[in-house]
Amino acid sequence: MSKIKCNGVNYRQGYIEVDSQIHGEHINIEIWNVHPDLDISNEQSDVSQLNDSDVIGNTEIELSVEQAELLIKKLSIGINKIKGCS
């Protein structure tokens, strides 16, 4: 699956990958935290091009369908707050 580049806050930049084919009936979320000195703003930059030393953190978590739906709800609430919706 494709990765989502997150580079809006330099010292918390990285990539997120979401996949449903790792553990049956769970959604796998993997996050790569990339060193802030590395510029990943280029449209062509991808996690596959990183050296091991560029990744300063990596986490994977498995969500049940219910947990994934709750995450979607919480993300939607956060988005609405930022956009000024209630």
Protein backbone atom coordinates (compact mmCIF):
# COMPACT_ATOMS: atom_id res chain seq x y z
CA MET A 1 0.00 0.00 0.00
CA SER A 2 1.09 3.58 -0.46
CA LYS A 3 2.43 5.67 2.35
CA ILE A 4 1.23 9.05 3.54
CA LYS A 5 4.00 11.63 3.83
CA CYS A 6 3.63 13.81 6.93
CA ASN A 7 5.99 16.77 6.91
CA GLY A 8 3.95 19.70 8.22
CA VAL A 9 5.98 19.86 11.46
CA ASN A 10 9.65 19.26 10.68
CA TYR A 11 10.67 17.68 14.00
CA ARG A 12 7.71 15.26 13.78
CA GLN A 13 7.95 14.33 10.12
CA GLY A 14 7.69 10.89 8.63
CA TYR A 15 5.43 8.44 6.84
CA ILE A 16 2.29 6.50 7.73
CA GLU A 17 1.27 3.24 6.10
CA VAL A 18 -2.11 1.56 6.56
CA ASP A 19 -2.65 -2.06 5.52
CA SER A 20 -5.29 -4.68 6.19
CA GLN A 21 -3.36 -7.72 5.00
CA ILE A 22 -0.98 -8.31 7.93
CA HIS A 23 -3.11 -9.95 10.64
CA GLY A 24 -6.59 -11.17 9.74
CA GLU A 25 -9.46 -8.85 10.61
CA HIS A 26 -7.13 -6.11 11.88
CA ILE A 27 -5.90 -2.87 10.37
CA ASN A 28 -2.13 -2.45 10.57
CA ILE A 29 -0.76 1.06 11.00
CA GLU A 30 2.99 1.60 10.69
CA ILE A 31 4.69 4.93 11.29
CA TRP A 32 8.25 5.90 10.37
CA ASN A 33 9.57 8.98 12.20
CA VAL A 34 12.24 10.63 10.03
CA HIS A 35 15.17 12.69 11.35
CA PRO A 36 14.29 16.42 11.24
CA ASP A 37 17.52 17.29 9.40
CA LEU A 38 16.35 15.26 6.41
CA ASP A 39 14.24 17.09 3.81
CA ILE A 40 11.30 14.92 2.76
CA SER A 41 9.34 17.77 1.18
CA ASN A 42 10.33 16.69 -2.33
CA GLU A 43 7.39 15.15 -4.17
CA GLN A 44 9.56 12.17 -5.13
CA SER A 45 10.79 11.41 -1.58
CA ASP A 46 9.66 8.05 -0.29
CA VAL A 47 10.35 5.92 2.76
CA SER A 48 12.00 3.32 0.51
CA GLN A 49 14.76 5.85 -0.26
CA LEU A 50 15.70 6.34 3.41
CA ASN A 51 18.84 5.02 5.04
CA ASP A 52 18.48 3.21 8.36
CA SER A 53 20.05 6.22 10.13
CA ASP A 54 17.35 8.54 8.65
CA VAL A 55 14.59 6.71 10.55
CA ILE A 56 14.65 7.71 14.21
CA GLY A 57 11.53 5.79 15.21
CA ASN A 58 9.26 3.09 13.87
CA THR A 59 6.02 1.79 15.36
CA GLU A 60 3.42 -0.72 14.22
CA ILE A 61 0.04 -1.28 15.81
CA GLU A 62 -2.90 -3.50 14.99
CA LEU A 63 -6.44 -2.10 15.27
CA SER A 64 -9.66 -4.07 15.31
CA VAL A 65 -12.35 -2.81 12.95
CA GLU A 66 -14.09 -1.14 15.91
CA GLN A 67 -10.86 0.58 16.99
CA ALA A 68 -10.20 1.75 13.43
CA GLU A 69 -13.72 3.19 13.24
CA LEU A 70 -13.13 5.01 16.54
CA LEU A 71 -9.85 6.41 15.17
CA ILE A 72 -11.70 7.66 12.08
CA LYS A 73 -14.27 9.34 14.34
CA LYS A 74 -11.56 11.00 16.47
CA LEU A 75 -9.70 12.18 13.36
CA SER A 76 -12.93 13.63 11.96
CA ILE A 77 -13.54 15.52 15.21
CA GLY A 78 -10.01 16.94 15.07
CA ILE A 79 -10.41 17.93 11.41
CA ASN A 80 -13.71 19.66 12.13
CA LYS A 81 -12.15 21.63 15.02
CA ILE A 82 -9.32 22.82 12.79
CA LYS A 83 -11.73 23.78 10.01
CA GLY A 84 -13.95 25.61 12.51
CA CYS A 85 -16.88 23.24 12.21
CA SER A 86 -18.80 21.98 15.22
